[in-house]
Amino acid sequence: MKSNSRVYVIGHKNPDTDSICSAIAYADIKNRTDKTKTYVARRAGQINEETEYVLKRFGVRAPGYLPNAGTQVKEIEIHEVPSVPGTISVKKAYSMMKNNNVVTLPITSPDNDLQGVITVSDIAESYMDSYDSHVMSLARTQYRSIADTLDGSVIVGNEHGYFIEGKVVVGAFHPDTMENYIDKNDLVILGNRAEDQLCAIEMDASCIIVGLGAKVTKTIQKFAEEKCCVIISSPHDTYTIARLINQSIPVKYLMRRSNLITFSTEDFLDDIKEVMKNQRHRDFPILNKKGKYVGTISRRNLIGNAGKKLILVDHNEESQAVDNVKEAEILEIIDHHRLGSLETMAPVMFRNEPVGCTGTIMYQIYQEKGLDIAPNIAGLLCAAIISDTLMFRSPTCTMLDKAAAEALADIAEISIPEFASEMFRAGSNLKDKSPEEIFYQDFKKFIMGDVTFGVGQITSLDAGELESIKEQLLPQMESECGKHGIEMVFFMLTNIIEESTELLYYGSGAKEVIEKAFEDLPVNEVSCELKGVVSRKKQLIPAFMMALQNQ
């Protein structure tokens, strides 16, 4: 049940086209070059319109959503303890516990729905408290189960019937006084004396158990049939029969039905550790997504668990990574941004190049490994490069980016100018979006020393559209400031055609950061105009970091 062979290739939160497409491409590369594991592309956030357009354009399914890198129950060793139906005897249940070396046994329906659990201590307690001679009838014990428990057989009557009324009596009395102790429908344990057997049947006992394998005469068997009395023969003596008989009770009578503590395969270990710690139980049933029983786990399962395995693309900062990334094992990082705050427990393969797009690095890896690039993958990577470099207008763009995009466009059989225009228009269609959706469409969090700030960006071909969303974003920025420890909020309204950005800002000290980062630049009460600035990564963030460092 463990998924140690699965590795997730994932980009940053609020994923852009490069983040998604590079994850898909690198999963393809790894699956073709490493057969020891399965590599799966995942996303850490909602896909934006631009990326959605690109995926549909090239017929590629969006990666599944992975919001949390914490270890889930399904990723650790689950004990596949077989469940049992509630109808089996306590004796059989205990025997299964011993054979499987477990102290808890789940009881399920024929459809594998969990009905209850029984533990060794539950069985022990039932024997310590067994003063009620009616317990077997109250538990509706089947005659066949009684015979099996006593290593005997039903020689008269319906073995599929149930003992449902009366008490258990050991018939160690003289026949003359036995009638004072036996009531109608009782179950009577007897020896080999025929007169005792006849007396019990005559007193309307529902079942008699004859010990020591004693013979039961044909006359008595016929009389028992006429009186609808079941006869069970056992090789054991009376004492042993009396000691064993309660073990024939069905486990459903003793099982715990209410307040069961169960966990789902989807639960995160962090969420269940405290629950397990505060319970005296040793084993806990696990249910799958459909609520069906799959096995059990104990506290020791949580020790030294392997956790998720990740390959990070297009980022290397903890603040931008999937939640609980520290709990996962990071195997590789492939990026084109500045070195961030992410730390790993062990050395990893880290490839970071000063190019405009992670998609360019993916193209290089395909070339280095001599792998053909499928047309749909080529289309995705070309789109990633066009998006990240603003169709080669961004100062982050290098000759390597442009050469890679042109080669990929040939494989995908697309025209870069035409495709770029379609893609940017799809991505800048913001009419039906709420201010919050626009704000988080491409928003990243940064930390410099004791200062935490966030920078969002929207690119558009339409200056009028950018102006209209500005009015929506200003109050949104005010409400977002202070959340998640962010002290200052900035937002880039980038016009691709004019190659300029109107930078909105909010928060204590935000205006001063802009003035220090861009000297002699006029800054009004809510924004400033940054001519020639289109790249958050290469133009804005380095200037901000320098300004904060020199404070």
Protein backbone atom coordinates (compact mmCIF):
# COMPACT_ATOMS: atom_id res chain seq x y z
CA MET A 1 0.00 0.00 0.00
CA LYS A 2 2.97 2.28 0.22
CA SER A 3 3.63 4.63 -2.68
CA ASN A 4 7.39 5.01 -2.22
CA SER A 5 7.95 4.46 -5.93
CA ARG A 6 5.88 7.55 -6.83
CA VAL A 7 7.58 10.92 -7.24
CA TYR A 8 5.61 14.13 -7.71
CA VAL A 9 7.00 16.78 -10.08
CA ILE A 10 5.48 20.07 -8.98
CA GLY A 11 5.79 23.82 -9.52
CA HIS A 12 5.02 26.72 -7.23
CA LYS A 13 1.76 27.98 -5.71
CA ASN A 14 -0.40 30.17 -7.98
CA PRO A 15 1.15 28.31 -10.91
CA ASP A 16 1.90 30.02 -14.21
CA THR A 17 2.27 28.39 -17.62
CA ASP A 18 5.98 27.66 -17.14
CA SER A 19 5.37 26.00 -13.76
CA ILE A 20 2.69 23.67 -15.13
CA CYS A 21 4.25 22.86 -18.50
CA SER A 22 7.72 22.25 -17.08
CA ALA A 23 6.29 19.84 -14.50
CA ILE A 24 4.53 17.88 -17.27
CA ALA A 25 7.67 17.83 -19.43
CA TYR A 26 10.03 16.77 -16.64
CA ALA A 27 7.69 13.95 -15.54
CA ASP A 28 7.85 12.75 -19.17
CA ILE A 29 11.67 12.93 -19.18
CA LYS A 30 12.03 11.05 -15.88
CA ASN A 31 9.53 8.31 -16.80
CA ARG A 32 11.47 7.68 -20.02
CA THR A 33 14.89 7.58 -18.35
CA ASP A 34 14.19 6.01 -14.92
CA LYS A 35 12.07 2.86 -14.78
CA THR A 36 12.55 2.35 -11.03
CA LYS A 37 9.95 4.97 -10.09
CA THR A 38 6.78 6.53 -11.42
CA TYR A 39 6.92 10.30 -11.95
CA VAL A 40 3.67 12.23 -11.85
CA ALA A 41 3.14 15.92 -12.63
CA ARG A 42 1.17 17.84 -10.04
CA ARG A 43 0.07 21.45 -9.46
CA ALA A 44 0.12 23.40 -6.21
CA GLY A 45 -2.72 25.77 -7.09
CA GLN A 46 -5.46 26.77 -9.49
CA ILE A 47 -4.55 26.94 -13.18
CA ASN A 48 -5.02 30.35 -14.81
CA GLU A 49 -6.79 31.05 -18.12
CA GLU A 50 -3.59 31.30 -20.11
CA THR A 51 -2.36 27.89 -18.97
CA GLU A 52 -5.81 26.38 -19.41
CA TYR A 53 -5.84 27.63 -23.00
CA VAL A 54 -2.39 26.14 -23.64
CA LEU A 55 -3.31 22.73 -22.22
CA LYS A 56 -6.52 22.55 -24.26
CA ARG A 57 -4.70 23.79 -27.38
CA PHE A 58 -2.29 20.86 -27.24
CA GLY A 59 -4.69 18.27 -25.82
CA VAL A 60 -2.93 17.69 -22.51
CA ARG A 61 -4.79 17.03 -19.28
CA ALA A 62 -4.09 19.38 -16.40
CA PRO A 63 -1.96 17.87 -13.61
CA GLY A 64 -3.77 16.77 -10.48
CA TYR A 65 -3.96 19.10 -7.49
CA LEU A 66 -1.52 18.52 -4.62
CA PRO A 67 -2.24 21.18 -1.97
CA ASN A 68 -0.16 19.62 0.77
CA ALA A 69 3.16 17.75 0.76
CA GLY A 70 2.54 16.28 4.22
CA THR A 71 2.62 12.51 4.56
CA GLN A 72 -0.76 10.81 4.25
CA VAL A 73 -1.88 7.53 5.75
CA LYS A 74 -1.92 5.88 2.31
CA GLU A 75 1.80 6.58 1.99
CA ILE A 76 2.86 4.56 5.04
CA GLU A 77 2.73 0.86 5.75
CA ILE A 78 -0.86 -0.15 6.46
CA HIS A 79 -1.31 -3.55 8.15
CA GLU A 80 -3.61 -5.54 5.92
CA VAL A 81 -5.28 -7.23 8.87
CA PRO A 82 -8.16 -9.32 7.46
CA SER A 83 -11.57 -8.29 8.72
CA VAL A 84 -14.19 -10.80 9.86
CA PRO A 85 -17.99 -10.95 9.75
CA GLY A 86 -19.81 -10.34 13.00
CA THR A 87 -21.24 -13.86 12.92
CA ILE A 88 -17.97 -15.73 13.60
CA SER A 89 -17.40 -17.03 17.09
CA VAL A 90 -15.21 -15.40 19.69
CA LYS A 91 -13.04 -18.53 19.59
CA LYS A 92 -12.36 -18.13 15.86
CA ALA A 93 -11.76 -14.41 16.25
CA TYR A 94 -9.22 -14.99 19.01
CA SER A 95 -7.51 -17.68 16.96
CA MET A 96 -7.18 -15.22 14.03
CA MET A 97 -5.70 -12.61 16.38
CA LYS A 98 -3.04 -15.07 17.54
CA ASN A 99 -2.24 -16.27 14.02
CA ASN A 100 -1.89 -12.69 12.72
CA ASN A 101 -0.17 -11.42 15.87
CA VAL A 102 -2.69 -8.59 16.34
CA VAL A 103 -4.70 -7.40 19.32
CA THR A 104 -7.49 -5.69 17.36
CA LEU A 105 -9.80 -7.32 14.86
CA PRO A 106 -12.11 -5.23 12.63
CA ILE A 107 -15.62 -6.56 11.99
CA THR A 108 -17.16 -5.69 8.63
CA SER A 109 -20.28 -6.24 6.57
CA PRO A 110 -20.24 -8.30 3.34
CA ASP A 111 -19.68 -4.98 1.52
CA ASN A 112 -16.60 -4.26 3.68
CA ASP A 113 -18.26 -1.51 5.72
CA LEU A 114 -16.76 -1.29 9.20
CA GLN A 115 -19.32 -2.37 11.79
CA GLY A 116 -17.13 -2.52 14.88
CA VAL A 117 -13.89 -3.75 16.43
CA ILE A 118 -13.01 -6.33 19.03
CA THR A 119 -9.78 -6.47 21.00
CA VAL A 120 -8.09 -9.11 23.12
CA SER A 121 -8.91 -7.02 26.20
CA ASP A 122 -12.61 -6.95 25.18
CA ILE A 123 -12.60 -10.77 25.12
CA ALA A 124 -10.77 -10.98 28.44
CA GLU A 125 -13.21 -8.57 30.09
CA SER A 126 -16.17 -10.58 28.81
CA TYR A 127 -14.88 -13.66 30.64
CA MET A 128 -14.16 -11.75 33.82
CA ASP A 129 -17.73 -10.46 33.80
CA SER A 130 -19.48 -13.65 32.62
CA TYR A 131 -21.98 -14.19 35.43
CA ASP A 132 -25.07 -14.03 33.21
CA SER A 133 -26.17 -17.53 32.22
CA HIS A 134 -28.45 -15.99 29.56
CA VAL A 135 -25.59 -14.38 27.64
CA MET A 136 -25.55 -17.00 24.87
CA SER A 137 -29.22 -16.58 24.05
CA LEU A 138 -28.96 -12.81 24.29
CA ALA A 139 -26.13 -13.01 21.75
CA ARG A 140 -28.27 -15.22 19.45
CA THR A 141 -25.62 -17.93 19.21
CA GLN A 142 -25.86 -20.36 16.30
CA TYR A 143 -25.92 -24.07 17.10
CA ARG A 144 -23.30 -24.83 14.46
CA SER A 145 -20.99 -22.29 16.12
CA ILE A 146 -21.55 -23.97 19.51
CA ALA A 147 -20.70 -27.38 18.00
CA ASP A 148 -17.56 -26.04 16.28
CA THR A 149 -16.35 -24.34 19.45
CA LEU A 150 -16.76 -27.60 21.38
CA ASP A 151 -15.08 -29.61 18.58
CA GLY A 152 -18.31 -31.54 18.22
CA SER A 153 -21.24 -31.87 15.82
CA VAL A 154 -25.00 -31.41 15.68
CA ILE A 155 -26.51 -34.89 15.57
CA VAL A 156 -30.17 -33.84 15.88
CA GLY A 157 -31.85 -30.64 14.73
CA ASN A 158 -31.03 -27.71 12.46
CA GLU A 159 -27.39 -26.66 12.87
CA HIS A 160 -28.22 -23.32 11.24
CA GLY A 161 -30.73 -22.49 13.94
CA TYR A 162 -30.06 -20.11 16.84
CA PHE A 163 -30.20 -20.37 20.62
CA ILE A 164 -32.33 -17.27 21.24
CA GLU A 165 -34.12 -17.86 24.54
CA GLY A 166 -33.19 -19.43 27.85
CA LYS A 167 -30.08 -19.98 29.94
CA VAL A 168 -27.16 -22.39 30.00
CA VAL A 169 -27.43 -25.10 32.69
CA VAL A 170 -25.02 -27.85 33.67
CA GLY A 171 -27.27 -30.86 34.35
CA ALA A 172 -25.29 -32.24 37.29
CA PHE A 173 -28.45 -33.11 39.24
CA HIS A 174 -30.46 -36.20 39.96
CA PRO A 175 -33.33 -36.52 37.44
CA ASP A 176 -35.84 -36.12 40.29
CA THR A 177 -34.54 -32.63 41.11
CA MET A 178 -33.46 -31.55 37.61
CA GLU A 179 -36.93 -30.28 36.80
CA ASN A 180 -36.47 -27.64 39.48
CA TYR A 181 -33.54 -26.10 37.58
CA ILE A 182 -34.42 -26.47 33.91
CA ASP A 183 -36.82 -24.04 32.26
CA LYS A 184 -38.33 -24.16 28.82
CA ASN A 185 -35.86 -23.38 25.99
CA ASP A 186 -32.76 -23.75 28.21
CA LEU A 187 -29.50 -25.22 26.86
CA VAL A 188 -28.38 -28.11 29.09
CA ILE A 189 -24.89 -29.61 29.35
CA LEU A 190 -25.11 -33.32 30.20
CA GLY A 191 -23.13 -36.54 30.56
CA ASN A 192 -23.88 -40.02 29.26
CA ARG A 193 -26.89 -40.89 31.43
CA ALA A 194 -29.93 -41.54 29.26
CA GLU A 195 -32.39 -40.61 32.02
CA ASP A 196 -30.79 -37.13 32.31
CA GLN A 197 -31.04 -36.63 28.56
CA LEU A 198 -34.69 -37.71 28.51
CA CYS A 199 -35.52 -35.47 31.47
CA ALA A 200 -33.99 -32.38 29.84
CA ILE A 201 -35.81 -33.02 26.56
CA GLU A 202 -39.05 -33.62 28.42
CA MET A 203 -38.59 -30.26 30.21
CA ASP A 204 -38.60 -28.58 26.73
CA ALA A 205 -34.89 -27.72 26.61
CA SER A 206 -34.07 -26.17 23.25
CA CYS A 207 -30.66 -27.89 23.12
CA ILE A 208 -28.74 -30.53 25.02
CA ILE A 209 -24.98 -31.03 24.80
CA VAL A 210 -23.73 -34.53 25.47
CA GLY A 211 -20.10 -34.73 26.58
CA LEU A 212 -17.30 -37.28 26.32
CA GLY A 213 -18.62 -38.36 22.92
CA ALA A 214 -21.28 -40.44 24.66
CA LYS A 215 -23.71 -42.35 22.48
CA VAL A 216 -27.24 -41.02 22.19
CA THR A 217 -29.76 -43.74 21.59
CA LYS A 218 -32.02 -43.72 18.58
CA THR A 219 -35.02 -43.51 20.92
CA ILE A 220 -33.69 -40.33 22.55
CA GLN A 221 -32.77 -38.85 19.15
CA LYS A 222 -36.31 -39.53 17.87
CA PHE A 223 -37.81 -38.02 21.04
CA ALA A 224 -35.58 -34.92 20.59
CA GLU A 225 -36.75 -34.52 16.98
CA GLU A 226 -40.38 -34.68 18.10
CA LYS A 227 -39.74 -32.02 20.77
CA CYS A 228 -37.65 -29.83 18.37
CA CYS A 229 -34.63 -30.16 20.67
CA VAL A 230 -31.15 -29.87 19.19
CA ILE A 231 -28.57 -32.44 20.30
CA ILE A 232 -24.86 -31.61 20.11
CA SER A 233 -22.22 -34.23 20.76
CA SER A 234 -18.78 -33.12 22.05
CA PRO A 235 -15.67 -35.15 22.90
CA HIS A 236 -14.90 -32.92 25.91
CA ASP A 237 -15.86 -33.42 29.54
CA THR A 238 -18.51 -31.36 31.25
CA TYR A 239 -16.02 -28.96 32.85
CA THR A 240 -14.28 -28.24 29.54
CA ILE A 241 -17.60 -27.76 27.73
CA ALA A 242 -18.76 -25.28 30.40
CA ARG A 243 -15.45 -23.43 30.14
CA LEU A 244 -15.43 -23.24 26.33
CA ILE A 245 -19.08 -22.71 25.49
CA ASN A 246 -19.12 -18.92 25.88
CA GLN A 247 -16.45 -18.74 23.17
CA SER A 248 -19.15 -19.69 20.65
CA ILE A 249 -20.82 -16.29 21.09
CA PRO A 250 -20.72 -14.24 17.84
CA VAL A 251 -18.17 -11.42 18.03
CA LYS A 252 -20.80 -8.85 17.07
CA TYR A 253 -22.21 -9.25 20.59
CA LEU A 254 -18.94 -8.19 22.20
CA MET A 255 -17.64 -5.76 19.58
CA ARG A 256 -17.53 -2.02 20.13
CA ARG A 257 -19.90 -0.29 17.74
CA SER A 258 -19.98 3.34 18.83
CA ASN A 259 -17.33 6.04 19.16
CA LEU A 260 -14.96 4.09 16.95
CA ILE A 261 -11.74 5.94 16.15
CA THR A 262 -10.96 5.44 12.49
CA PHE A 263 -8.75 7.25 9.99
CA SER A 264 -8.92 7.75 6.25
CA THR A 265 -6.21 6.87 3.76
CA GLU A 266 -6.33 10.57 2.82
CA ASP A 267 -5.63 11.84 6.36
CA PHE A 268 -2.32 13.59 7.06
CA LEU A 269 -0.12 12.11 9.77
CA ASP A 270 0.23 15.47 11.51
CA ASP A 271 -3.54 15.54 11.98
CA ILE A 272 -3.83 12.06 13.49
CA LYS A 273 -0.74 11.92 15.72
CA GLU A 274 -2.38 13.79 18.59
CA VAL A 275 -5.55 11.69 18.34
CA MET A 276 -3.54 8.47 18.51
CA LYS A 277 -1.40 9.73 21.37
CA ASN A 278 -4.44 10.41 23.56
CA GLN A 279 -6.01 6.98 23.05
CA ARG A 280 -5.22 3.76 24.82
CA HIS A 281 -5.94 1.70 21.70
CA ARG A 282 -2.97 0.18 19.95
CA ASP A 283 -4.43 -0.31 16.46
CA PHE A 284 -6.79 1.93 14.50
CA PRO A 285 -8.92 0.90 11.48
CA ILE A 286 -8.25 2.66 8.16
CA LEU A 287 -10.98 3.41 5.63
CA ASN A 288 -10.47 4.30 1.97
CA LYS A 289 -12.06 7.19 0.05
CA LYS A 290 -15.29 5.19 -0.28
CA GLY A 291 -15.43 4.49 3.45
CA LYS A 292 -14.47 0.83 3.06
CA TYR A 293 -12.14 -0.94 5.48
CA VAL A 294 -8.58 -1.52 4.15
CA GLY A 295 -6.40 -2.28 7.18
CA THR A 296 -5.05 -0.89 10.44
CA ILE A 297 -2.20 1.28 11.65
CA SER A 298 -0.59 1.74 15.05
CA ARG A 299 1.61 4.40 16.61
CA ARG A 300 4.75 2.59 15.52
CA ASN A 301 3.71 3.05 11.89
CA LEU A 302 4.31 6.76 12.30
CA ILE A 303 7.98 6.28 13.23
CA GLY A 304 10.42 6.75 10.35
CA ASN A 305 7.74 7.02 7.65
CA ALA A 306 9.10 7.78 4.20
CA GLY A 307 6.76 10.62 3.21
CA LYS A 308 6.20 12.11 -0.23
CA LYS A 309 9.02 12.42 -2.73
CA LEU A 310 9.11 15.67 -4.72
CA ILE A 311 10.94 17.24 -7.62
CA LEU A 312 10.49 21.02 -7.59
CA VAL A 313 10.43 22.97 -10.85
CA ASP A 314 10.36 26.72 -11.48
CA HIS A 315 10.93 27.68 -7.82
CA ASN A 316 13.26 27.11 -4.89
CA GLU A 317 11.70 29.23 -2.12
CA GLU A 318 9.79 27.68 0.75
CA SER A 319 7.21 30.49 0.75
CA GLN A 320 6.27 29.60 -2.85
CA ALA A 321 6.32 25.83 -2.40
CA VAL A 322 3.43 23.50 -1.70
CA ASP A 323 2.29 23.45 1.94
CA ASN A 324 4.34 21.31 4.35
CA VAL A 325 7.15 20.93 1.81
CA LYS A 326 9.53 20.36 4.76
CA GLU A 327 7.83 17.04 5.49
CA ALA A 328 8.61 15.74 2.00
CA GLU A 329 11.83 14.36 0.60
CA ILE A 330 13.03 16.70 -2.15
CA LEU A 331 14.98 14.78 -4.78
CA GLU A 332 15.70 17.49 -7.36
CA ILE A 333 15.20 21.19 -8.03
CA ILE A 334 15.21 22.70 -11.52
CA ASP A 335 14.79 26.45 -11.64
CA HIS A 336 15.79 29.75 -13.24
CA HIS A 337 15.17 32.13 -10.32
CA ARG A 338 17.41 33.53 -7.61
CA LEU A 339 18.48 31.17 -4.82
CA GLY A 340 15.78 31.18 -2.18
CA SER A 341 15.18 30.01 1.36
CA LEU A 342 14.41 26.34 0.78
CA GLU A 343 16.51 23.87 2.75
CA THR A 344 16.88 20.13 2.23
CA MET A 345 17.82 17.35 4.65
CA ALA A 346 20.30 15.81 2.22
CA PRO A 347 22.18 16.89 -0.93
CA VAL A 348 19.97 17.05 -4.02
CA MET A 349 20.44 17.50 -7.73
CA PHE A 350 19.96 21.26 -8.16
CA ARG A 351 20.01 22.76 -11.64
CA ASN A 352 19.63 26.52 -11.81
CA GLU A 353 20.37 28.48 -14.97
CA PRO A 354 20.11 32.23 -15.75
CA VAL A 355 17.60 31.82 -18.55
CA GLY A 356 14.16 33.31 -19.03
CA CYS A 357 12.16 30.13 -18.50
CA THR A 358 12.37 26.69 -16.89
CA GLY A 359 10.92 25.37 -20.15
CA THR A 360 14.22 26.30 -21.84
CA ILE A 361 16.10 24.10 -19.37
CA MET A 362 13.65 21.28 -20.11
CA TYR A 363 14.41 21.61 -23.81
CA GLN A 364 18.13 21.37 -23.02
CA ILE A 365 17.60 18.21 -20.95
CA TYR A 366 15.68 16.56 -23.79
CA GLN A 367 18.63 17.38 -26.07
CA GLU A 368 21.24 16.18 -23.57
CA LYS A 369 19.50 12.84 -23.07
CA GLY A 370 18.84 12.34 -26.79
CA LEU A 371 15.07 12.15 -26.31
CA ASP A 372 12.58 13.02 -29.02
CA ILE A 373 10.04 15.64 -27.94
CA ALA A 374 6.41 14.84 -28.69
CA PRO A 375 4.63 17.65 -30.59
CA ASN A 376 2.20 18.32 -27.72
CA ILE A 377 5.04 18.57 -25.16
CA ALA A 378 6.95 20.83 -27.56
CA GLY A 379 3.89 23.06 -27.78
CA LEU A 380 3.64 23.28 -24.00
CA LEU A 381 7.31 24.20 -23.58
CA CYS A 382 7.17 26.76 -26.38
CA ALA A 383 4.13 28.34 -24.70
CA ALA A 384 6.00 28.42 -21.38
CA ILE A 385 8.94 30.29 -22.93
CA ILE A 386 6.68 32.76 -24.76
CA SER A 387 4.76 33.38 -21.52
CA ASP A 388 7.76 33.82 -19.22
CA THR A 389 9.69 36.04 -21.65
CA LEU A 390 6.62 37.98 -22.84
CA MET A 391 7.41 36.78 -26.36
CA PHE A 392 11.13 37.65 -25.97
CA ARG A 393 10.44 41.22 -24.73
CA SER A 394 11.46 40.54 -21.13
CA PRO A 395 15.04 41.39 -20.06
CA THR A 396 15.19 37.86 -18.63
CA CYS A 397 15.08 36.48 -22.18
CA THR A 398 18.34 35.04 -23.52
CA MET A 399 19.41 33.72 -26.89
CA LEU A 400 18.98 30.22 -25.46
CA ASP A 401 15.30 30.95 -24.76
CA LYS A 402 14.65 32.26 -28.24
CA ALA A 403 16.49 29.39 -29.95
CA ALA A 404 14.64 26.81 -27.81
CA ALA A 405 11.25 28.41 -28.53
CA GLU A 406 11.88 28.43 -32.29
CA ALA A 407 12.98 24.78 -32.29
CA LEU A 408 9.97 23.76 -30.20
CA ALA A 409 7.60 25.75 -32.43
CA ASP A 410 8.88 23.76 -35.44
CA ILE A 411 8.18 20.46 -33.67
CA ALA A 412 4.72 21.63 -32.55
CA GLU A 413 4.04 23.14 -36.00
CA ILE A 414 2.90 26.53 -34.68
CA SER A 415 3.63 30.13 -35.63
CA ILE A 416 5.07 31.94 -32.60
CA PRO A 417 3.53 35.40 -33.35
CA GLU A 418 0.06 33.99 -34.05
CA PHE A 419 0.11 31.55 -31.15
CA ALA A 420 1.48 34.16 -28.71
CA SER A 421 -1.31 36.59 -29.62
CA GLU A 422 -3.97 33.91 -29.02
CA MET A 423 -2.39 32.80 -25.76
CA PHE A 424 -1.98 36.31 -24.30
CA ARG A 425 -5.55 37.23 -25.20
CA ALA A 426 -6.84 34.07 -23.50
CA GLY A 427 -4.77 34.87 -20.42
CA SER A 428 -5.77 38.51 -20.16
CA ASN A 429 -9.50 37.87 -20.30
CA LEU A 430 -10.32 39.15 -16.83
CA LYS A 431 -13.88 40.36 -17.31
CA ASP A 432 -15.58 37.58 -15.36
CA LYS A 433 -13.02 37.37 -12.55
CA SER A 434 -13.39 38.66 -9.03
CA PRO A 435 -10.74 41.03 -7.60
CA GLU A 436 -9.50 38.19 -5.37
CA GLU A 437 -9.12 35.84 -8.36
CA ILE A 438 -7.19 38.48 -10.28
CA PHE A 439 -5.02 39.24 -7.27
CA TYR A 440 -3.98 35.62 -6.72
CA GLN A 441 -3.69 34.68 -10.40
CA ASP A 442 0.08 35.24 -10.31
CA PHE A 443 1.05 36.23 -6.78
CA LYS A 444 4.32 35.35 -5.03
CA LYS A 445 5.56 35.82 -1.50
CA PHE A 446 9.13 36.95 -0.76
CA ILE A 447 11.16 37.20 2.45
CA MET A 448 14.16 39.47 2.95
CA GLY A 449 15.54 39.36 6.48
CA ASP A 450 12.70 40.35 8.78
CA VAL A 451 10.55 41.75 5.97
CA THR A 452 7.87 39.73 4.19
CA PHE A 453 6.19 41.13 1.09
CA GLY A 454 4.13 39.90 -1.84
CA VAL A 455 4.16 40.80 -5.51
CA GLY A 456 1.40 39.98 -7.98
CA GLN A 457 1.40 40.52 -11.72
CA ILE A 458 -1.08 40.70 -14.56
CA THR A 459 -0.02 41.07 -18.19
CA SER A 460 -2.32 42.33 -20.92
CA LEU A 461 -2.35 43.57 -24.47
CA ASP A 462 -5.10 46.07 -23.62
CA ALA A 463 -4.24 49.27 -21.69
CA GLY A 464 -7.94 49.95 -21.07
CA GLU A 465 -8.41 46.56 -19.44
CA LEU A 466 -5.47 47.17 -17.11
CA GLU A 467 -6.89 50.53 -16.08
CA SER A 468 -10.30 49.02 -15.30
CA ILE A 469 -8.93 46.28 -13.05
CA LYS A 470 -6.72 48.79 -11.22
CA GLU A 471 -9.80 50.18 -9.45
CA GLN A 472 -10.79 46.67 -8.35
CA LEU A 473 -7.34 45.72 -7.12
CA LEU A 474 -6.64 48.67 -4.83
CA PRO A 475 -9.21 47.71 -2.14
CA GLN A 476 -8.28 44.04 -2.57
CA MET A 477 -4.62 44.85 -1.85
CA GLU A 478 -5.64 46.67 1.30
CA SER A 479 -7.63 43.66 2.56
CA GLU A 480 -4.85 41.19 1.70
CA CYS A 481 -2.09 43.15 3.42
CA GLY A 482 -1.37 41.63 6.81
CA LYS A 483 -2.46 38.13 5.85
CA HIS A 484 0.12 35.30 6.01
CA GLY A 485 2.63 37.68 7.62
CA ILE A 486 2.81 39.93 4.55
CA GLU A 487 3.61 43.52 5.52
CA MET A 488 3.70 45.13 2.05
CA VAL A 489 1.76 44.29 -1.10
CA PHE A 490 2.77 45.25 -4.65
CA PHE A 491 1.01 44.53 -7.91
CA MET A 492 2.39 44.86 -11.45
CA LEU A 493 -0.05 45.86 -14.20
CA THR A 494 2.15 45.03 -17.19
CA ASN A 495 1.35 46.20 -20.71
CA ILE A 496 3.04 43.78 -23.13
CA ILE A 497 2.75 46.07 -26.16
CA GLU A 498 4.13 49.18 -24.44
CA GLU A 499 6.66 47.15 -22.43
CA SER A 500 5.87 49.03 -19.23
CA THR A 501 4.32 48.42 -15.81
CA GLU A 502 2.14 50.43 -13.50
CA LEU A 503 3.18 49.29 -10.02
CA LEU A 504 0.46 49.48 -7.36
CA TYR A 505 1.47 49.34 -3.70
CA TYR A 506 0.01 49.18 -0.20
CA GLY A 507 1.44 48.77 3.29
CA SER A 508 3.71 50.48 5.77
CA GLY A 509 7.05 51.25 4.14
CA ALA A 510 5.98 50.14 0.65
CA LYS A 511 6.35 53.60 -0.89
CA GLU A 512 9.82 54.01 0.64
CA VAL A 513 10.95 50.67 -0.82
CA ILE A 514 9.92 51.79 -4.31
CA GLU A 515 11.67 55.14 -3.92
CA LYS A 516 14.89 53.46 -2.79
CA ALA A 517 14.72 50.78 -5.49
CA PHE A 518 14.02 53.26 -8.32
CA GLU A 519 15.64 56.59 -7.47
CA ASP A 520 14.24 59.82 -8.94
CA LEU A 521 11.03 58.01 -9.88
CA PRO A 522 7.84 59.94 -9.11
CA VAL A 523 5.60 57.84 -6.84
CA ASN A 524 2.00 58.92 -6.21
CA GLU A 525 -0.27 57.80 -3.39
CA VAL A 526 -1.13 54.37 -4.86
CA SER A 527 1.19 53.64 -7.78
CA CYS A 528 4.08 54.58 -10.04
CA GLU A 529 4.93 54.08 -13.71
CA LEU A 530 7.90 51.80 -14.49
CA LYS A 531 8.90 52.29 -18.12
CA GLY A 532 10.68 49.31 -19.62
CA VAL A 533 9.99 47.14 -16.57
CA VAL A 534 8.08 43.94 -17.40
CA SER A 535 9.90 41.28 -15.39
CA ARG A 536 9.17 40.67 -11.75
CA LYS A 537 12.05 38.22 -11.43
CA LYS A 538 14.86 40.16 -13.10
CA GLN A 539 13.86 43.83 -12.81
CA LEU A 540 11.59 44.32 -9.79
CA ILE A 541 12.62 41.76 -7.15
CA PRO A 542 16.41 42.37 -7.37
CA ALA A 543 15.82 46.13 -7.02
CA PHE A 544 13.54 45.57 -4.01
CA MET A 545 16.01 43.18 -2.36
CA MET A 546 18.83 45.69 -2.76
CA ALA A 547 16.67 48.48 -1.31
CA LEU A 548 15.69 46.36 1.71
CA GLN A 549 19.25 45.22 2.27
CA ASN A 550 20.46 48.82 2.40
CA GLN A 551 17.80 49.98 4.85
